[in-house]
Amino acid sequence: LGVIGGFVAPLLMKLIGFITNLSFYGR
């Protein structure tokens, strides 16, 4: 679970950045 979490965490950070950019900045 720790190894899986280590791979998933950066993906979630990218998803947060994507949603933030799309909703607030329109890009």
mmCIF file of all heavy atoms, coordinates in Angstrom:
data_MODEL
# 
_entry.id   MODEL 
# 
loop_
_atom_site.group_PDB 
_atom_site.id 
_atom_site.type_symbol 
_atom_site.label_atom_id 
_atom_site.label_alt_id 
_atom_site.label_comp_id 
_atom_site.label_asym_id 
_atom_site.label_entity_id 
_atom_site.label_seq_id 
_atom_site.pdbx_PDB_ins_code 
_atom_site.Cartn_x 
_atom_site.Cartn_y 
_atom_site.Cartn_z 
_atom_site.occupancy 
_atom_site.B_iso_or_equiv 
_atom_site.pdbx_formal_charge 
_atom_site.auth_seq_id 
_atom_site.auth_comp_id 
_atom_site.auth_asym_id 
_atom_site.auth_atom_id 
_atom_site.pdbx_PDB_model_num 
ATOM 1   N N   . LEU A 1 1  ? 0.823   -1.210 0.000   1.00 0.00 ? 1  LEU A N   1 
ATOM 2   C CA  . LEU A 1 1  ? 0.000   0.000  0.000   1.00 0.00 ? 1  LEU A CA  1 
ATOM 3   C C   . LEU A 1 1  ? 0.856   1.258  0.000   1.00 0.00 ? 1  LEU A C   1 
ATOM 4   O O   . LEU A 1 1  ? 0.509   2.253  -0.640  1.00 0.00 ? 1  LEU A O   1 
ATOM 5   C CB  . LEU A 1 1  ? -0.933  0.007  1.209   1.00 0.00 ? 1  LEU A CB  1 
ATOM 6   C CG  . LEU A 1 1  ? -2.102  -0.980 1.141   1.00 0.00 ? 1  LEU A CG  1 
ATOM 7   C CD1 . LEU A 1 1  ? -2.849  -1.003 2.470   1.00 0.00 ? 1  LEU A CD1 1 
ATOM 8   C CD2 . LEU A 1 1  ? -3.029  -0.633 0.002   1.00 0.00 ? 1  LEU A CD2 1 
ATOM 9   N N   . GLY A 1 2  ? 1.990   1.217  0.695   1.00 0.00 ? 2  GLY A N   1 
ATOM 10  C CA  . GLY A 1 2  ? 2.895   2.358  0.690   1.00 0.00 ? 2  GLY A CA  1 
ATOM 11  C C   . GLY A 1 2  ? 3.476   2.627  -0.688  1.00 0.00 ? 2  GLY A C   1 
ATOM 12  O O   . GLY A 1 2  ? 3.574   3.777  -1.121  1.00 0.00 ? 2  GLY A O   1 
ATOM 13  N N   . VAL A 1 3  ? 3.845   1.563  -1.391  1.00 0.00 ? 3  VAL A N   1 
ATOM 14  C CA  . VAL A 1 3  ? 4.388   1.719  -2.745  1.00 0.00 ? 3  VAL A CA  1 
ATOM 15  C C   . VAL A 1 3  ? 3.315   2.257  -3.685  1.00 0.00 ? 3  VAL A C   1 
ATOM 16  O O   . VAL A 1 3  ? 3.563   3.181  -4.463  1.00 0.00 ? 3  VAL A O   1 
ATOM 17  C CB  . VAL A 1 3  ? 4.956   0.366  -3.253  1.00 0.00 ? 3  VAL A CB  1 
ATOM 18  C CG1 . VAL A 1 3  ? 5.276   0.429  -4.737  1.00 0.00 ? 3  VAL A CG1 1 
ATOM 19  C CG2 . VAL A 1 3  ? 6.188   -0.021 -2.460  1.00 0.00 ? 3  VAL A CG2 1 
ATOM 20  N N   . ILE A 1 4  ? 2.118   1.710  -3.595  1.00 0.00 ? 4  ILE A N   1 
ATOM 21  C CA  . ILE A 1 4  ? 1.018   2.192  -4.440  1.00 0.00 ? 4  ILE A CA  1 
ATOM 22  C C   . ILE A 1 4  ? 0.717   3.657  -4.128  1.00 0.00 ? 4  ILE A C   1 
ATOM 23  O O   . ILE A 1 4  ? 0.537   4.479  -5.030  1.00 0.00 ? 4  ILE A O   1 
ATOM 24  C CB  . ILE A 1 4  ? -0.240  1.317  -4.247  1.00 0.00 ? 4  ILE A CB  1 
ATOM 25  C CG1 . ILE A 1 4  ? -0.002  -0.073 -4.841  1.00 0.00 ? 4  ILE A CG1 1 
ATOM 26  C CG2 . ILE A 1 4  ? -1.466  1.965  -4.878  1.00 0.00 ? 4  ILE A CG2 1 
ATOM 27  C CD1 . ILE A 1 4  ? -1.066  -1.088 -4.498  1.00 0.00 ? 4  ILE A CD1 1 
ATOM 28  N N   . GLY A 1 5  ? 0.684   3.999  -2.846  1.00 0.00 ? 5  GLY A N   1 
ATOM 29  C CA  . GLY A 1 5  ? 0.443   5.386  -2.450  1.00 0.00 ? 5  GLY A CA  1 
ATOM 30  C C   . GLY A 1 5  ? 1.519   6.323  -2.961  1.00 0.00 ? 5  GLY A C   1 
ATOM 31  O O   . GLY A 1 5  ? 1.240   7.462  -3.336  1.00 0.00 ? 5  GLY A O   1 
ATOM 32  N N   . GLY A 1 6  ? 2.757   5.842  -3.004  1.00 0.00 ? 6  GLY A N   1 
ATOM 33  C CA  . GLY A 1 6  ? 3.849   6.653  -3.527  1.00 0.00 ? 6  GLY A CA  1 
ATOM 34  C C   . GLY A 1 6  ? 3.694   6.969  -5.005  1.00 0.00 ? 6  GLY A C   1 
ATOM 35  O O   . GLY A 1 6  ? 4.112   8.033  -5.468  1.00 0.00 ? 6  GLY A O   1 
ATOM 36  N N   . PHE A 1 7  ? 3.083   6.053  -5.754  1.00 0.00 ? 7  PHE A N   1 
ATOM 37  C CA  . PHE A 1 7  ? 2.850   6.306  -7.180  1.00 0.00 ? 7  PHE A CA  1 
ATOM 38  C C   . PHE A 1 7  ? 1.585   7.133  -7.426  1.00 0.00 ? 7  PHE A C   1 
ATOM 39  O O   . PHE A 1 7  ? 1.523   7.912  -8.362  1.00 0.00 ? 7  PHE A O   1 
ATOM 40  C CB  . PHE A 1 7  ? 2.755   4.986  -7.963  1.00 0.00 ? 7  PHE A CB  1 
ATOM 41  C CG  . PHE A 1 7  ? 4.082   4.329  -8.181  1.00 0.00 ? 7  PHE A CG  1 
ATOM 42  C CD1 . PHE A 1 7  ? 4.401   3.162  -7.509  1.00 0.00 ? 7  PHE A CD1 1 
ATOM 43  C CD2 . PHE A 1 7  ? 5.017   4.879  -9.040  1.00 0.00 ? 7  PHE A CD2 1 
ATOM 44  C CE1 . PHE A 1 7  ? 5.625   2.562  -7.692  1.00 0.00 ? 7  PHE A CE1 1 
ATOM 45  C CE2 . PHE A 1 7  ? 6.246   4.283  -9.245  1.00 0.00 ? 7  PHE A CE2 1 
ATOM 46  C CZ  . PHE A 1 7  ? 6.556   3.119  -8.560  1.00 0.00 ? 7  PHE A CZ  1 
ATOM 47  N N   . VAL A 1 8  ? 0.591   6.960  -6.579  1.00 0.00 ? 8  VAL A N   1 
ATOM 48  C CA  . VAL A 1 8  ? -0.686  7.642  -6.772  1.00 0.00 ? 8  VAL A CA  1 
ATOM 49  C C   . VAL A 1 8  ? -0.624  9.106  -6.334  1.00 0.00 ? 8  VAL A C   1 
ATOM 50  O O   . VAL A 1 8  ? -1.256  9.966  -6.955  1.00 0.00 ? 8  VAL A O   1 
ATOM 51  C CB  . VAL A 1 8  ? -1.808  6.883  -6.015  1.00 0.00 ? 8  VAL A CB  1 
ATOM 52  C CG1 . VAL A 1 8  ? -3.092  7.681  -5.990  1.00 0.00 ? 8  VAL A CG1 1 
ATOM 53  C CG2 . VAL A 1 8  ? -2.042  5.533  -6.661  1.00 0.00 ? 8  VAL A CG2 1 
ATOM 54  N N   . ALA A 1 9  ? 0.156   9.417  -5.299  1.00 0.00 ? 9  ALA A N   1 
ATOM 55  C CA  . ALA A 1 9  ? 0.206   10.787 -4.763  1.00 0.00 ? 9  ALA A CA  1 
ATOM 56  C C   . ALA A 1 9  ? 0.598   11.824 -5.814  1.00 0.00 ? 9  ALA A C   1 
ATOM 57  O O   . ALA A 1 9  ? -0.070  12.861 -5.929  1.00 0.00 ? 9  ALA A O   1 
ATOM 58  C CB  . ALA A 1 9  ? 1.139   10.848 -3.557  1.00 0.00 ? 9  ALA A CB  1 
ATOM 59  N N   . PRO A 1 10 ? 1.645   11.614 -6.615  1.00 0.00 ? 10 PRO A N   1 
ATOM 60  C CA  . PRO A 1 10 ? 1.953   12.619 -7.645  1.00 0.00 ? 10 PRO A CA  1 
ATOM 61  C C   . PRO A 1 10 ? 0.851   12.763 -8.691  1.00 0.00 ? 10 PRO A C   1 
ATOM 62  O O   . PRO A 1 10 ? 0.613   13.863 -9.199  1.00 0.00 ? 10 PRO A O   1 
ATOM 63  C CB  . PRO A 1 10 ? 3.243   12.098 -8.290  1.00 0.00 ? 10 PRO A CB  1 
ATOM 64  C CG  . PRO A 1 10 ? 3.830   11.168 -7.301  1.00 0.00 ? 10 PRO A CG  1 
ATOM 65  C CD  . PRO A 1 10 ? 2.685   10.595 -6.536  1.00 0.00 ? 10 PRO A CD  1 
ATOM 66  N N   . LEU A 1 11 ? 0.176   11.671 -8.988  1.00 0.00 ? 11 LEU A N   1 
ATOM 67  C CA  . LEU A 1 11 ? -0.933  11.751 -9.942  1.00 0.00 ? 11 LEU A CA  1 
ATOM 68  C C   . LEU A 1 11 ? -2.071  12.601 -9.382  1.00 0.00 ? 11 LEU A C   1 
ATOM 69  O O   . LEU A 1 11 ? -2.683  13.387 -10.110 1.00 0.00 ? 11 LEU A O   1 
ATOM 70  C CB  . LEU A 1 11 ? -1.441  10.350 -10.297 1.00 0.00 ? 11 LEU A CB  1 
ATOM 71  C CG  . LEU A 1 11 ? -0.451  9.455  -11.028 1.00 0.00 ? 11 LEU A CG  1 
ATOM 72  C CD1 . LEU A 1 11 ? -1.028  8.055  -11.193 1.00 0.00 ? 11 LEU A CD1 1 
ATOM 73  C CD2 . LEU A 1 11 ? -0.082  10.041 -12.369 1.00 0.00 ? 11 LEU A CD2 1 
ATOM 74  N N   . LEU A 1 12 ? -2.345  12.448 -8.097  1.00 0.00 ? 12 LEU A N   1 
ATOM 75  C CA  . LEU A 1 12 ? -3.388  13.268 -7.479  1.00 0.00 ? 12 LEU A CA  1 
ATOM 76  C C   . LEU A 1 12 ? -2.994  14.742 -7.454  1.00 0.00 ? 12 LEU A C   1 
ATOM 77  O O   . LEU A 1 12 ? -3.837  15.618 -7.652  1.00 0.00 ? 12 LEU A O   1 
ATOM 78  C CB  . LEU A 1 12 ? -3.680  12.769 -6.064  1.00 0.00 ? 12 LEU A CB  1 
ATOM 79  C CG  . LEU A 1 12 ? -4.409  11.433 -5.977  1.00 0.00 ? 12 LEU A CG  1 
ATOM 80  C CD1 . LEU A 1 12 ? -4.524  10.985 -4.528  1.00 0.00 ? 12 LEU A CD1 1 
ATOM 81  C CD2 . LEU A 1 12 ? -5.773  11.510 -6.619  1.00 0.00 ? 12 LEU A CD2 1 
ATOM 82  N N   . MET A 1 13 ? -1.720  15.025 -7.225  1.00 0.00 ? 13 MET A N   1 
ATOM 83  C CA  . MET A 1 13 ? -1.251  16.415 -7.255  1.00 0.00 ? 13 MET A CA  1 
ATOM 84  C C   . MET A 1 13 ? -1.427  17.014 -8.649  1.00 0.00 ? 13 MET A C   1 
ATOM 85  O O   . MET A 1 13 ? -1.837  18.162 -8.795  1.00 0.00 ? 13 MET A O   1 
ATOM 86  C CB  . MET A 1 13 ? 0.215   16.491 -6.824  1.00 0.00 ? 13 MET A CB  1 
ATOM 87  C CG  . MET A 1 13 ? 0.437   16.159 -5.363  1.00 0.00 ? 13 MET A CG  1 
ATOM 88  S SD  . MET A 1 13 ? -0.358  17.322 -4.254  1.00 0.00 ? 13 MET A SD  1 
ATOM 89  C CE  . MET A 1 13 ? 0.594   18.781 -4.558  1.00 0.00 ? 13 MET A CE  1 
ATOM 90  N N   . LYS A 1 14 ? -1.121  16.234 -9.682  1.00 0.00 ? 14 LYS A N   1 
ATOM 91  C CA  . LYS A 1 14 ? -1.313  16.707 -11.061 1.00 0.00 ? 14 LYS A CA  1 
ATOM 92  C C   . LYS A 1 14 ? -2.797  16.947 -11.335 1.00 0.00 ? 14 LYS A C   1 
ATOM 93  O O   . LYS A 1 14 ? -3.167  17.921 -11.992 1.00 0.00 ? 14 LYS A O   1 
ATOM 94  C CB  . LYS A 1 14 ? -0.759  15.696 -12.067 1.00 0.00 ? 14 LYS A CB  1 
ATOM 95  C CG  . LYS A 1 14 ? 0.738   15.591 -12.065 1.00 0.00 ? 14 LYS A CG  1 
ATOM 96  C CD  . LYS A 1 14 ? 1.318   16.788 -12.747 1.00 0.00 ? 14 LYS A CD  1 
ATOM 97  C CE  . LYS A 1 14 ? 2.812   16.617 -12.950 1.00 0.00 ? 14 LYS A CE  1 
ATOM 98  N NZ  . LYS A 1 14 ? 3.415   17.789 -13.541 1.00 0.00 ? 14 LYS A NZ  1 
ATOM 99  N N   . LEU A 1 15 ? -3.654  16.066 -10.834 1.00 0.00 ? 15 LEU A N   1 
ATOM 100 C CA  . LEU A 1 15 ? -5.090  16.222 -11.025 1.00 0.00 ? 15 LEU A CA  1 
ATOM 101 C C   . LEU A 1 15 ? -5.606  17.482 -10.328 1.00 0.00 ? 15 LEU A C   1 
ATOM 102 O O   . LEU A 1 15 ? -6.421  18.217 -10.892 1.00 0.00 ? 15 LEU A O   1 
ATOM 103 C CB  . LEU A 1 15 ? -5.833  14.987 -10.506 1.00 0.00 ? 15 LEU A CB  1 
ATOM 104 C CG  . LEU A 1 15 ? -7.346  14.987 -10.682 1.00 0.00 ? 15 LEU A CG  1 
ATOM 105 C CD1 . LEU A 1 15 ? -7.718  15.040 -12.155 1.00 0.00 ? 15 LEU A CD1 1 
ATOM 106 C CD2 . LEU A 1 15 ? -7.951  13.765 -10.026 1.00 0.00 ? 15 LEU A CD2 1 
ATOM 107 N N   . ILE A 1 16 ? -5.112  17.754 -9.114  1.00 0.00 ? 16 ILE A N   1 
ATOM 108 C CA  . ILE A 1 16 ? -5.501  18.975 -8.408  1.00 0.00 ? 16 ILE A CA  1 
ATOM 109 C C   . ILE A 1 16 ? -5.071  20.200 -9.200  1.00 0.00 ? 16 ILE A C   1 
ATOM 110 O O   . ILE A 1 16 ? -5.833  21.160 -9.367  1.00 0.00 ? 16 ILE A O   1 
ATOM 111 C CB  . ILE A 1 16 ? -4.904  18.990 -6.990  1.00 0.00 ? 16 ILE A CB  1 
ATOM 112 C CG1 . ILE A 1 16 ? -5.591  17.942 -6.120  1.00 0.00 ? 16 ILE A CG1 1 
ATOM 113 C CG2 . ILE A 1 16 ? -5.038  20.379 -6.351  1.00 0.00 ? 16 ILE A CG2 1 
ATOM 114 C CD1 . ILE A 1 16 ? -4.901  17.691 -4.797  1.00 0.00 ? 16 ILE A CD1 1 
ATOM 115 N N   . GLY A 1 17 ? -3.844  20.183 -9.716  1.00 0.00 ? 17 GLY A N   1 
ATOM 116 C CA  . GLY A 1 17 ? -3.367  21.298 -10.531 1.00 0.00 ? 17 GLY A CA  1 
ATOM 117 C C   . GLY A 1 17 ? -4.191  21.473 -11.793 1.00 0.00 ? 17 GLY A C   1 
ATOM 118 O O   . GLY A 1 17 ? -4.511  22.597 -12.197 1.00 0.00 ? 17 GLY A O   1 
ATOM 119 N N   . PHE A 1 18 ? -4.563  20.363 -12.430 1.00 0.00 ? 18 PHE A N   1 
ATOM 120 C CA  . PHE A 1 18 ? -5.363  20.419 -13.660 1.00 0.00 ? 18 PHE A CA  1 
ATOM 121 C C   . PHE A 1 18 ? -6.736  21.028 -13.399 1.00 0.00 ? 18 PHE A C   1 
ATOM 122 O O   . PHE A 1 18 ? -7.175  21.932 -14.117 1.00 0.00 ? 18 PHE A O   1 
ATOM 123 C CB  . PHE A 1 18 ? -5.498  19.012 -14.249 1.00 0.00 ? 18 PHE A CB  1 
ATOM 124 C CG  . PHE A 1 18 ? -6.372  18.954 -15.457 1.00 0.00 ? 18 PHE A CG  1 
ATOM 125 C CD1 . PHE A 1 18 ? -5.906  19.398 -16.684 1.00 0.00 ? 18 PHE A CD1 1 
ATOM 126 C CD2 . PHE A 1 18 ? -7.664  18.470 -15.387 1.00 0.00 ? 18 PHE A CD2 1 
ATOM 127 C CE1 . PHE A 1 18 ? -6.707  19.354 -17.809 1.00 0.00 ? 18 PHE A CE1 1 
ATOM 128 C CE2 . PHE A 1 18 ? -8.470  18.417 -16.495 1.00 0.00 ? 18 PHE A CE2 1 
ATOM 129 C CZ  . PHE A 1 18 ? -7.997  18.864 -17.711 1.00 0.00 ? 18 PHE A CZ  1 
ATOM 130 N N   . ILE A 1 19 ? -7.424  20.543 -12.368 1.00 0.00 ? 19 ILE A N   1 
ATOM 131 C CA  . ILE A 1 19 ? -8.762  21.046 -12.040 1.00 0.00 ? 19 ILE A CA  1 
ATOM 132 C C   . ILE A 1 19 ? -8.695  22.522 -11.655 1.00 0.00 ? 19 ILE A C   1 
ATOM 133 O O   . ILE A 1 19 ? -9.544  23.325 -12.053 1.00 0.00 ? 19 ILE A O   1 
ATOM 134 C CB  . ILE A 1 19 ? -9.391  20.220 -10.894 1.00 0.00 ? 19 ILE A CB  1 
ATOM 135 C CG1 . ILE A 1 19 ? -9.562  18.768 -11.297 1.00 0.00 ? 19 ILE A CG1 1 
ATOM 136 C CG2 . ILE A 1 19 ? -10.713 20.828 -10.437 1.00 0.00 ? 19 ILE A CG2 1 
ATOM 137 C CD1 . ILE A 1 19 ? -10.655 18.474 -12.261 1.00 0.00 ? 19 ILE A CD1 1 
ATOM 138 N N   . THR A 1 20 ? -7.676  22.900 -10.875 1.00 0.00 ? 20 THR A N   1 
ATOM 139 C CA  . THR A 1 20 ? -7.530  24.306 -10.462 1.00 0.00 ? 20 THR A CA  1 
ATOM 140 C C   . THR A 1 20 ? -7.315  25.203 -11.672 1.00 0.00 ? 20 THR A C   1 
ATOM 141 O O   . THR A 1 20 ? -7.953  26.253 -11.801 1.00 0.00 ? 20 THR A O   1 
ATOM 142 C CB  . THR A 1 20 ? -6.347  24.449 -9.483  1.00 0.00 ? 20 THR A CB  1 
ATOM 143 O OG1 . THR A 1 20 ? -6.604  23.630 -8.345  1.00 0.00 ? 20 THR A OG1 1 
ATOM 144 C CG2 . THR A 1 20 ? -6.176  25.887 -9.037  1.00 0.00 ? 20 THR A CG2 1 
ATOM 145 N N   . ASN A 1 21 ? -6.420  24.802 -12.559 1.00 0.00 ? 21 ASN A N   1 
ATOM 146 C CA  . ASN A 1 21 ? -6.164  25.610 -13.758 1.00 0.00 ? 21 ASN A CA  1 
ATOM 147 C C   . ASN A 1 21 ? -7.395  25.708 -14.646 1.00 0.00 ? 21 ASN A C   1 
ATOM 148 O O   . ASN A 1 21 ? -7.703  26.771 -15.188 1.00 0.00 ? 21 ASN A O   1 
ATOM 149 C CB  . ASN A 1 21 ? -4.992  25.029 -14.556 1.00 0.00 ? 21 ASN A CB  1 
ATOM 150 C CG  . ASN A 1 21 ? -3.666  25.478 -14.020 1.00 0.00 ? 21 ASN A CG  1 
ATOM 151 O OD1 . ASN A 1 21 ? -3.452  26.660 -13.810 1.00 0.00 ? 21 ASN A OD1 1 
ATOM 152 N ND2 . ASN A 1 21 ? -2.777  24.544 -13.789 1.00 0.00 ? 21 ASN A ND2 1 
ATOM 153 N N   . LEU A 1 22 ? -8.096  24.600 -14.806 1.00 0.00 ? 22 LEU A N   1 
ATOM 154 C CA  . LEU A 1 22 ? -9.264  24.584 -15.667 1.00 0.00 ? 22 LEU A CA  1 
ATOM 155 C C   . LEU A 1 22 ? -10.385 25.449 -15.104 1.00 0.00 ? 22 LEU A C   1 
ATOM 156 O O   . LEU A 1 22 ? -11.000 26.238 -15.828 1.00 0.00 ? 22 LEU A O   1 
ATOM 157 C CB  . LEU A 1 22 ? -9.754  23.147 -15.865 1.00 0.00 ? 22 LEU A CB  1 
ATOM 158 C CG  . LEU A 1 22 ? -10.825 22.920 -16.903 1.00 0.00 ? 22 LEU A CG  1 
ATOM 159 C CD1 . LEU A 1 22 ? -10.309 23.311 -18.285 1.00 0.00 ? 22 LEU A CD1 1 
ATOM 160 C CD2 . LEU A 1 22 ? -11.250 21.469 -16.911 1.00 0.00 ? 22 LEU A CD2 1 
ATOM 161 N N   . SER A 1 23 ? -10.624 25.354 -13.800 1.00 0.00 ? 23 SER A N   1 
ATOM 162 C CA  . SER A 1 23 ? -11.760 26.076 -13.230 1.00 0.00 ? 23 SER A CA  1 
ATOM 163 C C   . SER A 1 23 ? -11.460 27.540 -12.934 1.00 0.00 ? 23 SER A C   1 
ATOM 164 O O   . SER A 1 23 ? -12.334 28.385 -13.097 1.00 0.00 ? 23 SER A O   1 
ATOM 165 C CB  . SER A 1 23 ? -12.248 25.372 -11.961 1.00 0.00 ? 23 SER A CB  1 
ATOM 166 O OG  . SER A 1 23 ? -11.212 25.318 -11.009 1.00 0.00 ? 23 SER A OG  1 
ATOM 167 N N   . PHE A 1 24 ? -10.254 27.867 -12.497 1.00 0.00 ? 24 PHE A N   1 
ATOM 168 C CA  . PHE A 1 24 ? -9.952  29.247 -12.122 1.00 0.00 ? 24 PHE A CA  1 
ATOM 169 C C   . PHE A 1 24 ? -9.308  30.062 -13.241 1.00 0.00 ? 24 PHE A C   1 
ATOM 170 O O   . PHE A 1 24 ? -9.566  31.247 -13.369 1.00 0.00 ? 24 PHE A O   1 
ATOM 171 C CB  . PHE A 1 24 ? -9.047  29.293 -10.896 1.00 0.00 ? 24 PHE A CB  1 
ATOM 172 C CG  . PHE A 1 24 ? -9.739  28.906 -9.633  1.00 0.00 ? 24 PHE A CG  1 
ATOM 173 C CD1 . PHE A 1 24 ? -9.281  27.853 -8.881  1.00 0.00 ? 24 PHE A CD1 1 
ATOM 174 C CD2 . PHE A 1 24 ? -10.854 29.592 -9.194  1.00 0.00 ? 24 PHE A CD2 1 
ATOM 175 C CE1 . PHE A 1 24 ? -9.917  27.488 -7.714  1.00 0.00 ? 24 PHE A CE1 1 
ATOM 176 C CE2 . PHE A 1 24 ? -11.503 29.240 -8.036  1.00 0.00 ? 24 PHE A CE2 1 
ATOM 177 C CZ  . PHE A 1 24 ? -11.028 28.184 -7.286  1.00 0.00 ? 24 PHE A CZ  1 
ATOM 178 N N   . TYR A 1 25 ? -8.449  29.426 -14.032 1.00 0.00 ? 25 TYR A N   1 
ATOM 179 C CA  . TYR A 1 25 ? -7.701  30.175 -15.035 1.00 0.00 ? 25 TYR A CA  1 
ATOM 180 C C   . TYR A 1 25 ? -8.167  29.899 -16.466 1.00 0.00 ? 25 TYR A C   1 
ATOM 181 O O   . TYR A 1 25 ? -7.727  30.564 -17.390 1.00 0.00 ? 25 TYR A O   1 
ATOM 182 C CB  . TYR A 1 25 ? -6.204  29.865 -14.918 1.00 0.00 ? 25 TYR A CB  1 
ATOM 183 C CG  . TYR A 1 25 ? -5.624  30.263 -13.589 1.00 0.00 ? 25 TYR A CG  1 
ATOM 184 C CD1 . TYR A 1 25 ? -5.290  29.308 -12.646 1.00 0.00 ? 25 TYR A CD1 1 
ATOM 185 C CD2 . TYR A 1 25 ? -5.425  31.594 -13.278 1.00 0.00 ? 25 TYR A CD2 1 
ATOM 186 C CE1 . TYR A 1 25 ? -4.763  29.666 -11.422 1.00 0.00 ? 25 TYR A CE1 1 
ATOM 187 C CE2 . TYR A 1 25 ? -4.894  31.970 -12.055 1.00 0.00 ? 25 TYR A CE2 1 
ATOM 188 C CZ  . TYR A 1 25 ? -4.566  30.998 -11.134 1.00 0.00 ? 25 TYR A CZ  1 
ATOM 189 O OH  . TYR A 1 25 ? -4.055  31.358 -9.929  1.00 0.00 ? 25 TYR A OH  1 
ATOM 190 N N   . GLY A 1 26 ? -9.015  28.887 -16.655 1.00 0.00 ? 26 GLY A N   1 
ATOM 191 C CA  . GLY A 1 26 ? -9.539  28.583 -17.979 1.00 0.00 ? 26 GLY A CA  1 
ATOM 192 C C   . GLY A 1 26 ? -8.500  28.044 -18.945 1.00 0.00 ? 26 GLY A C   1 
ATOM 193 O O   . GLY A 1 26 ? -8.600  28.245 -20.142 1.00 0.00 ? 26 GLY A O   1 
ATOM 194 N N   . ARG A 1 27 ? -7.515  27.344 -18.434 1.00 0.00 ? 27 ARG A N   1 
ATOM 195 C CA  . ARG A 1 27 ? -6.501  26.764 -19.308 1.00 0.00 ? 27 ARG A CA  1 
ATOM 196 C C   . ARG A 1 27 ? -6.292  25.304 -18.945 1.00 0.00 ? 27 ARG A C   1 
ATOM 197 O O   . ARG A 1 27 ? -6.569  24.880 -17.830 1.00 0.00 ? 27 ARG A O   1 
ATOM 198 C CB  . ARG A 1 27 ? -5.196  27.539 -19.228 1.00 0.00 ? 27 ARG A CB  1 
ATOM 199 C CG  . ARG A 1 27 ? -4.510  27.443 -17.920 1.00 0.00 ? 27 ARG A CG  1 
ATOM 200 C CD  . ARG A 1 27 ? -3.224  28.259 -17.915 1.00 0.00 ? 27 ARG A CD  1 
ATOM 201 N NE  . ARG A 1 27 ? -2.444  27.846 -16.763 1.00 0.00 ? 27 ARG A NE  1 
ATOM 202 C CZ  . ARG A 1 27 ? -1.142  27.759 -16.736 1.00 0.00 ? 27 ARG A CZ  1 
ATOM 203 N NH1 . ARG A 1 27 ? -0.450  28.061 -17.805 1.00 0.00 ? 27 ARG A NH1 1 
ATOM 204 N NH2 . ARG A 1 27 ? -0.518  27.383 -15.657 1.00 0.00 ? 27 ARG A NH2 1 
# 
